[in-house]
Amino acid sequence: MSITTSVDNDKQLTTHTVIGEVYFEEEMTTLKQFWEGQTTKNALWDFRKASLARVSSKETETIMDYIKHHSGKCSVGKTALVASGDLEYGILRMAQTLAEIKGFYLQLEIFRSFEEAIQWLGEEE
């Protein structure tokens, strides 16, 4: 797997583009770099060319716990996750449900369309 990260400070948007098989360790490393460095208000995770078949439910819960713990320093913001495959979409919906149960501070939405995700991120609250 490879994760490429780009930052647009003018739009306060960090985009993570994921290609190939997703592995827990690399995803956690990317999250740590984002949350422990200079964060932007909004984030976009593009999983359209990724496979989440190897991500366990326990790993997903660990990732969501990490984000919940670190997102407390940011009272506003949105995160969009984009997946085109049914499996990936389903796993990301599970992550969204965990976020709701855990009471995330940030808004988290799942999309099948990259364009819709970008539009949602650009909308004012």
N, C-alpha and C. Protein backbone atom coordinates (compact mmCIF):
# COMPACT_ATOMS: atom_id res chain seq x y z
N MET A 1 0.85 -1.17 0.00
CA MET A 1 0.00 0.00 0.00
C MET A 1 0.89 1.23 0.00
N SER A 2 0.37 2.25 -0.58
CA SER A 2 1.04 3.54 -0.45
C SER A 2 -0.02 4.59 -0.10
N ILE A 3 0.39 5.50 0.79
CA ILE A 3 -0.46 6.63 1.15
C ILE A 3 0.30 7.89 0.80
N THR A 4 -0.31 8.70 -0.05
CA THR A 4 0.27 9.98 -0.41
C THR A 4 -0.56 11.07 0.26
N THR A 5 0.11 11.99 0.92
CA THR A 5 -0.58 13.06 1.62
C THR A 5 -0.23 14.40 0.99
N SER A 6 -1.26 15.20 0.76
CA SER A 6 -1.05 16.56 0.27
C SER A 6 -1.85 17.52 1.16
N VAL A 7 -1.32 18.73 1.34
CA VAL A 7 -1.94 19.72 2.20
C VAL A 7 -2.20 20.99 1.40
N ASP A 8 -3.44 21.47 1.48
CA ASP A 8 -3.81 22.75 0.89
C ASP A 8 -4.18 23.68 2.04
N ASN A 9 -3.22 24.49 2.48
CA ASN A 9 -3.45 25.37 3.63
C ASN A 9 -4.51 26.43 3.35
N ASP A 10 -4.62 26.88 2.10
CA ASP A 10 -5.64 27.88 1.76
C ASP A 10 -7.05 27.33 1.99
N LYS A 11 -7.25 26.06 1.68
CA LYS A 11 -8.57 25.43 1.86
C LYS A 11 -8.67 24.70 3.20
N GLN A 12 -7.59 24.71 3.98
CA GLN A 12 -7.55 23.99 5.26
C GLN A 12 -7.95 22.52 5.06
N LEU A 13 -7.30 21.87 4.04
CA LEU A 13 -7.65 20.51 3.67
C LEU A 13 -6.39 19.65 3.51
N THR A 14 -6.39 18.52 4.20
CA THR A 14 -5.35 17.51 4.01
C THR A 14 -5.98 16.34 3.29
N THR A 15 -5.38 15.92 2.17
CA THR A 15 -5.89 14.79 1.40
C THR A 15 -4.91 13.63 1.49
N HIS A 16 -5.43 12.48 1.88
CA HIS A 16 -4.66 11.24 1.94
C HIS A 16 -5.20 10.33 0.83
N THR A 17 -4.34 10.02 -0.14
CA THR A 17 -4.73 9.14 -1.23
C THR A 17 -4.10 7.78 -0.98
N VAL A 18 -4.96 6.75 -0.89
CA VAL A 18 -4.51 5.40 -0.54
C VAL A 18 -4.65 4.52 -1.77
N ILE A 19 -3.55 3.81 -2.10
CA ILE A 19 -3.55 2.93 -3.26
C ILE A 19 -3.06 1.56 -2.82
N GLY A 20 -3.82 0.52 -3.20
CA GLY A 20 -3.41 -0.85 -2.91
C GLY A 20 -4.00 -1.37 -1.60
N GLU A 21 -3.43 -2.47 -1.16
CA GLU A 21 -3.86 -3.14 0.07
C GLU A 21 -3.55 -2.27 1.28
N VAL A 22 -4.53 -2.04 2.12
CA VAL A 22 -4.36 -1.19 3.30
C VAL A 22 -3.83 -2.04 4.46
N TYR A 23 -2.79 -1.55 5.09
CA TYR A 23 -2.23 -2.20 6.27
C TYR A 23 -2.33 -1.26 7.46
N PHE A 24 -2.71 -1.82 8.58
CA PHE A 24 -2.96 -1.08 9.81
C PHE A 24 -1.77 -0.18 10.18
N GLU A 25 -0.56 -0.71 10.14
CA GLU A 25 0.61 0.03 10.59
C GLU A 25 0.83 1.30 9.78
N GLU A 26 0.70 1.21 8.47
CA GLU A 26 0.91 2.39 7.63
C GLU A 26 -0.20 3.42 7.82
N GLU A 27 -1.41 2.94 8.01
CA GLU A 27 -2.52 3.87 8.26
C GLU A 27 -2.31 4.60 9.59
N MET A 28 -1.88 3.87 10.62
CA MET A 28 -1.62 4.49 11.92
C MET A 28 -0.47 5.50 11.83
N THR A 29 0.56 5.18 11.08
CA THR A 29 1.68 6.11 10.91
C THR A 29 1.20 7.41 10.27
N THR A 30 0.36 7.30 9.25
CA THR A 30 -0.18 8.49 8.58
C THR A 30 -1.06 9.30 9.52
N LEU A 31 -1.89 8.62 10.30
CA LEU A 31 -2.73 9.32 11.28
C LEU A 31 -1.89 10.05 12.31
N LYS A 32 -0.84 9.41 12.79
CA LYS A 32 0.03 10.04 13.79
C LYS A 32 0.71 11.27 13.21
N GLN A 33 1.17 11.19 11.97
CA GLN A 33 1.80 12.34 11.34
C GLN A 33 0.81 13.49 11.21
N PHE A 34 -0.43 13.17 10.90
CA PHE A 34 -1.46 14.22 10.77
C PHE A 34 -1.81 14.82 12.12
N TRP A 35 -2.19 14.00 13.09
CA TRP A 35 -2.69 14.50 14.36
C TRP A 35 -1.61 15.06 15.28
N GLU A 36 -0.38 14.60 15.13
CA GLU A 36 0.69 15.07 16.01
C GLU A 36 1.50 16.18 15.36
N GLY A 37 1.18 16.51 14.11
CA GLY A 37 1.83 17.61 13.41
C GLY A 37 0.88 18.78 13.27
N GLN A 38 1.05 19.52 12.22
CA GLN A 38 0.15 20.64 11.92
C GLN A 38 -1.09 20.09 11.23
N THR A 39 -2.22 20.15 11.88
CA THR A 39 -3.45 19.64 11.28
C THR A 39 -4.17 20.75 10.52
N THR A 40 -4.98 20.33 9.58
CA THR A 40 -5.87 21.25 8.89
C THR A 40 -7.28 21.01 9.43
N LYS A 41 -8.16 21.95 9.17
CA LYS A 41 -9.53 21.84 9.67
C LYS A 41 -10.22 20.60 9.10
N ASN A 42 -10.01 20.33 7.83
CA ASN A 42 -10.70 19.23 7.15
C ASN A 42 -9.70 18.21 6.60
N ALA A 43 -10.20 16.97 6.46
CA ALA A 43 -9.37 15.89 5.90
C ALA A 43 -10.21 15.07 4.93
N LEU A 44 -9.53 14.56 3.92
CA LEU A 44 -10.16 13.70 2.92
C LEU A 44 -9.29 12.46 2.77
N TRP A 45 -9.91 11.30 2.98
CA TRP A 45 -9.24 10.02 2.75
C TRP A 45 -9.85 9.42 1.49
N ASP A 46 -9.01 9.25 0.46
CA ASP A 46 -9.46 8.73 -0.83
C ASP A 46 -9.06 7.26 -0.93
N PHE A 47 -10.04 6.37 -0.72
CA PHE A 47 -9.82 4.92 -0.79
C PHE A 47 -10.31 4.32 -2.10
N ARG A 48 -10.54 5.14 -3.13
CA ARG A 48 -11.11 4.62 -4.38
C ARG A 48 -10.24 3.57 -5.04
N LYS A 49 -8.93 3.63 -4.85
CA LYS A 49 -8.01 2.66 -5.47
C LYS A 49 -7.38 1.75 -4.42
N ALA A 50 -8.06 1.61 -3.29
CA ALA A 50 -7.52 0.83 -2.17
C ALA A 50 -8.40 -0.37 -1.88
N SER A 51 -7.81 -1.34 -1.19
CA SER A 51 -8.55 -2.50 -0.71
C SER A 51 -8.46 -2.53 0.80
N LEU A 52 -9.61 -2.62 1.45
CA LEU A 52 -9.66 -2.69 2.91
C LEU A 52 -9.92 -4.12 3.40
N ALA A 53 -9.74 -5.10 2.51
CA ALA A 53 -10.04 -6.50 2.83
C ALA A 53 -9.23 -7.03 4.01
N ARG A 54 -8.05 -6.51 4.26
CA ARG A 54 -7.19 -7.00 5.34
C ARG A 54 -7.37 -6.25 6.66
N VAL A 55 -8.23 -5.24 6.69
CA VAL A 55 -8.42 -4.45 7.90
C VAL A 55 -9.45 -5.15 8.78
N SER A 56 -9.04 -5.49 10.00
CA SER A 56 -9.96 -6.17 10.92
C SER A 56 -10.84 -5.16 11.65
N SER A 57 -11.92 -5.67 12.22
CA SER A 57 -12.80 -4.79 12.99
C SER A 57 -12.08 -4.25 14.22
N LYS A 58 -11.20 -5.03 14.82
CA LYS A 58 -10.41 -4.59 15.98
C LYS A 58 -9.47 -3.45 15.57
N GLU A 59 -8.83 -3.57 14.41
CA GLU A 59 -7.95 -2.51 13.92
C GLU A 59 -8.75 -1.24 13.63
N THR A 60 -9.93 -1.41 13.05
CA THR A 60 -10.78 -0.24 12.78
C THR A 60 -11.14 0.45 14.08
N GLU A 61 -11.46 -0.31 15.11
CA GLU A 61 -11.81 0.28 16.39
C GLU A 61 -10.60 0.99 17.01
N THR A 62 -9.42 0.42 16.89
CA THR A 62 -8.21 1.06 17.40
C THR A 62 -7.96 2.39 16.69
N ILE A 63 -8.14 2.40 15.38
CA ILE A 63 -7.97 3.64 14.60
C ILE A 63 -8.97 4.70 15.06
N MET A 64 -10.22 4.30 15.24
CA MET A 64 -11.25 5.26 15.65
C MET A 64 -10.98 5.77 17.07
N ASP A 65 -10.48 4.91 17.96
CA ASP A 65 -10.12 5.36 19.32
C ASP A 65 -9.00 6.39 19.26
N TYR A 66 -8.02 6.14 18.41
CA TYR A 66 -6.90 7.08 18.26
C TYR A 66 -7.40 8.44 17.77
N ILE A 67 -8.24 8.43 16.75
CA ILE A 67 -8.77 9.68 16.20
C ILE A 67 -9.61 10.41 17.25
N LYS A 68 -10.45 9.69 17.96
CA LYS A 68 -11.29 10.30 19.00
C LYS A 68 -10.42 11.00 20.04
N HIS A 69 -9.37 10.33 20.48
CA HIS A 69 -8.47 10.88 21.49
C HIS A 69 -7.79 12.17 21.01
N HIS A 70 -7.34 12.17 19.76
CA HIS A 70 -6.59 13.31 19.24
C HIS A 70 -7.46 14.42 18.66
N SER A 71 -8.67 14.10 18.25
CA SER A 71 -9.52 15.12 17.63
C SER A 71 -10.08 16.10 18.65
N GLY A 72 -9.93 15.82 19.92
CA GLY A 72 -10.42 16.72 20.95
C GLY A 72 -9.77 18.08 20.93
N LYS A 73 -8.57 18.18 20.35
CA LYS A 73 -7.89 19.48 20.28
C LYS A 73 -8.44 20.36 19.16
N CYS A 74 -9.34 19.81 18.36
CA CYS A 74 -9.91 20.53 17.22
C CYS A 74 -11.43 20.50 17.35
N SER A 75 -12.04 21.62 17.69
CA SER A 75 -13.47 21.63 17.98
C SER A 75 -14.36 21.66 16.74
N VAL A 76 -13.79 21.99 15.59
CA VAL A 76 -14.56 22.01 14.35
C VAL A 76 -13.79 21.24 13.29
N GLY A 77 -14.47 20.83 12.27
CA GLY A 77 -13.78 20.17 11.18
C GLY A 77 -14.60 19.01 10.64
N LYS A 78 -14.22 18.61 9.45
CA LYS A 78 -14.91 17.53 8.76
C LYS A 78 -13.87 16.55 8.21
N THR A 79 -14.26 15.29 8.17
CA THR A 79 -13.46 14.27 7.52
C THR A 79 -14.36 13.52 6.55
N ALA A 80 -13.94 13.47 5.30
CA ALA A 80 -14.67 12.74 4.26
C ALA A 80 -13.85 11.51 3.88
N LEU A 81 -14.54 10.37 3.79
CA LEU A 81 -13.92 9.13 3.35
C LEU A 81 -14.61 8.71 2.05
N VAL A 82 -13.81 8.41 1.03
CA VAL A 82 -14.36 8.06 -0.27
C VAL A 82 -13.96 6.65 -0.64
N ALA A 83 -14.95 5.82 -0.96
CA ALA A 83 -14.70 4.44 -1.40
C ALA A 83 -15.67 4.09 -2.51
N SER A 84 -15.17 3.43 -3.54
CA SER A 84 -16.06 3.08 -4.65
C SER A 84 -16.53 1.63 -4.56
N GLY A 85 -15.77 0.76 -3.92
CA GLY A 85 -16.16 -0.64 -3.81
C GLY A 85 -17.12 -0.88 -2.65
N ASP A 86 -17.95 -1.92 -2.79
CA ASP A 86 -18.93 -2.23 -1.76
C ASP A 86 -18.29 -2.62 -0.44
N LEU A 87 -17.24 -3.45 -0.47
CA LEU A 87 -16.57 -3.87 0.76
C LEU A 87 -15.97 -2.67 1.48
N GLU A 88 -15.26 -1.84 0.75
CA GLU A 88 -14.63 -0.67 1.34
C GLU A 88 -15.67 0.29 1.90
N TYR A 89 -16.74 0.50 1.15
CA TYR A 89 -17.81 1.38 1.61
C TYR A 89 -18.41 0.85 2.91
N GLY A 90 -18.64 -0.45 2.97
CA GLY A 90 -19.21 -1.06 4.17
C GLY A 90 -18.30 -0.93 5.38
N ILE A 91 -17.02 -1.14 5.20
CA ILE A 91 -16.06 -1.00 6.31
C ILE A 91 -16.00 0.45 6.78
N LEU A 92 -16.02 1.38 5.85
CA LEU A 92 -15.99 2.79 6.24
C LEU A 92 -17.29 3.21 6.93
N ARG A 93 -18.40 2.63 6.55
CA ARG A 93 -19.67 2.90 7.25
C ARG A 93 -19.58 2.38 8.69
N MET A 94 -18.93 1.22 8.87
CA MET A 94 -18.73 0.70 10.21
C MET A 94 -17.90 1.68 11.03
N ALA A 95 -16.86 2.24 10.43
CA ALA A 95 -16.03 3.24 11.11
C ALA A 95 -16.87 4.47 11.46
N GLN A 96 -17.75 4.88 10.56
CA GLN A 96 -18.62 6.03 10.83
C GLN A 96 -19.55 5.74 12.00
N THR A 97 -20.08 4.54 12.06
CA THR A 97 -20.95 4.16 13.17
C THR A 97 -20.18 4.19 14.49
N LEU A 98 -18.95 3.69 14.47
CA LEU A 98 -18.10 3.75 15.67
C LEU A 98 -17.87 5.19 16.10
N ALA A 99 -17.64 6.07 15.14
CA ALA A 99 -17.44 7.49 15.45
C ALA A 99 -18.66 8.07 16.14
N GLU A 100 -19.83 7.71 15.66
CA GLU A 100 -21.07 8.20 16.27
C GLU A 100 -21.23 7.66 17.69
N ILE A 101 -20.95 6.38 17.89
CA ILE A 101 -21.06 5.76 19.21
C ILE A 101 -20.07 6.39 20.18
N LYS A 102 -18.87 6.67 19.70
CA LYS A 102 -17.82 7.21 20.56
C LYS A 102 -17.94 8.72 20.78
N GLY A 103 -18.88 9.36 20.09
CA GLY A 103 -19.11 10.79 20.28
C GLY A 103 -18.01 11.66 19.71
N PHE A 104 -17.64 11.43 18.46
CA PHE A 104 -16.60 12.22 17.82
C PHE A 104 -16.95 13.70 17.82
N TYR A 105 -15.92 14.53 17.94
CA TYR A 105 -16.08 15.98 17.86
C TYR A 105 -16.21 16.42 16.40
N LEU A 106 -15.55 15.71 15.51
CA LEU A 106 -15.53 16.08 14.10
C LEU A 106 -16.66 15.39 13.35
N GLN A 107 -17.09 16.01 12.26
CA GLN A 107 -18.08 15.39 11.39
C GLN A 107 -17.37 14.39 10.48
N LEU A 108 -17.95 13.23 10.31
CA LEU A 108 -17.38 12.18 9.47
C LEU A 108 -18.46 11.68 8.52
N GLU A 109 -18.18 11.74 7.22
CA GLU A 109 -19.14 11.28 6.22
C GLU A 109 -18.44 10.36 5.22
N ILE A 110 -19.20 9.41 4.70
CA ILE A 110 -18.70 8.45 3.73
C ILE A 110 -19.34 8.76 2.37
N PHE A 111 -18.52 8.70 1.33
CA PHE A 111 -19.00 9.01 -0.02
C PHE A 111 -18.52 7.95 -1.01
N ARG A 112 -19.28 7.79 -2.08
CA ARG A 112 -18.84 6.97 -3.21
C ARG A 112 -18.28 7.85 -4.33
N SER A 113 -18.55 9.15 -4.23
CA SER A 113 -18.10 10.10 -5.25
C SER A 113 -17.10 11.08 -4.66
N PHE A 114 -15.94 11.18 -5.29
CA PHE A 114 -14.90 12.11 -4.86
C PHE A 114 -15.41 13.55 -4.94
N GLU A 115 -16.13 13.86 -6.02
CA GLU A 115 -16.64 15.21 -6.23
C GLU A 115 -17.63 15.61 -5.13
N GLU A 116 -18.50 14.68 -4.74
CA GLU A 116 -19.46 14.97 -3.67
C GLU A 116 -18.74 15.20 -2.34
N ALA A 117 -17.68 14.45 -2.10
CA ALA A 117 -16.90 14.62 -0.87
C ALA A 117 -16.26 16.00 -0.83
N ILE A 118 -15.68 16.41 -1.93
CA ILE A 118 -15.05 17.74 -2.02
C ILE A 118 -16.09 18.83 -1.81
N GLN A 119 -17.24 18.66 -2.42
CA GLN A 119 -18.32 19.66 -2.28
C GLN A 119 -18.75 19.75 -0.81
N TRP A 120 -18.95 18.62 -0.15
CA TRP A 120 -19.36 18.60 1.26
C TRP A 120 -18.31 19.27 2.16
N LEU A 121 -17.05 19.00 1.89
CA LEU A 121 -15.97 19.59 2.69
C LEU A 121 -15.94 21.12 2.54
N GLY A 122 -16.34 21.60 1.37
CA GLY A 122 -16.31 23.03 1.12
C GLY A 122 -17.51 23.79 1.64
N GLU A 123 -18.54 23.07 2.05
CA GLU A 123 -19.75 23.72 2.56
C GLU A 123 -19.50 24.29 3.94
N GLU A 124 -20.07 25.46 4.17
CA GLU A 124 -19.97 26.09 5.50
C GLU A 124 -20.93 25.39 6.45
N GLU A 125 -20.58 25.40 7.71
CA GLU A 125 -21.41 24.75 8.73
C GLU A 125 -22.59 25.61 9.08
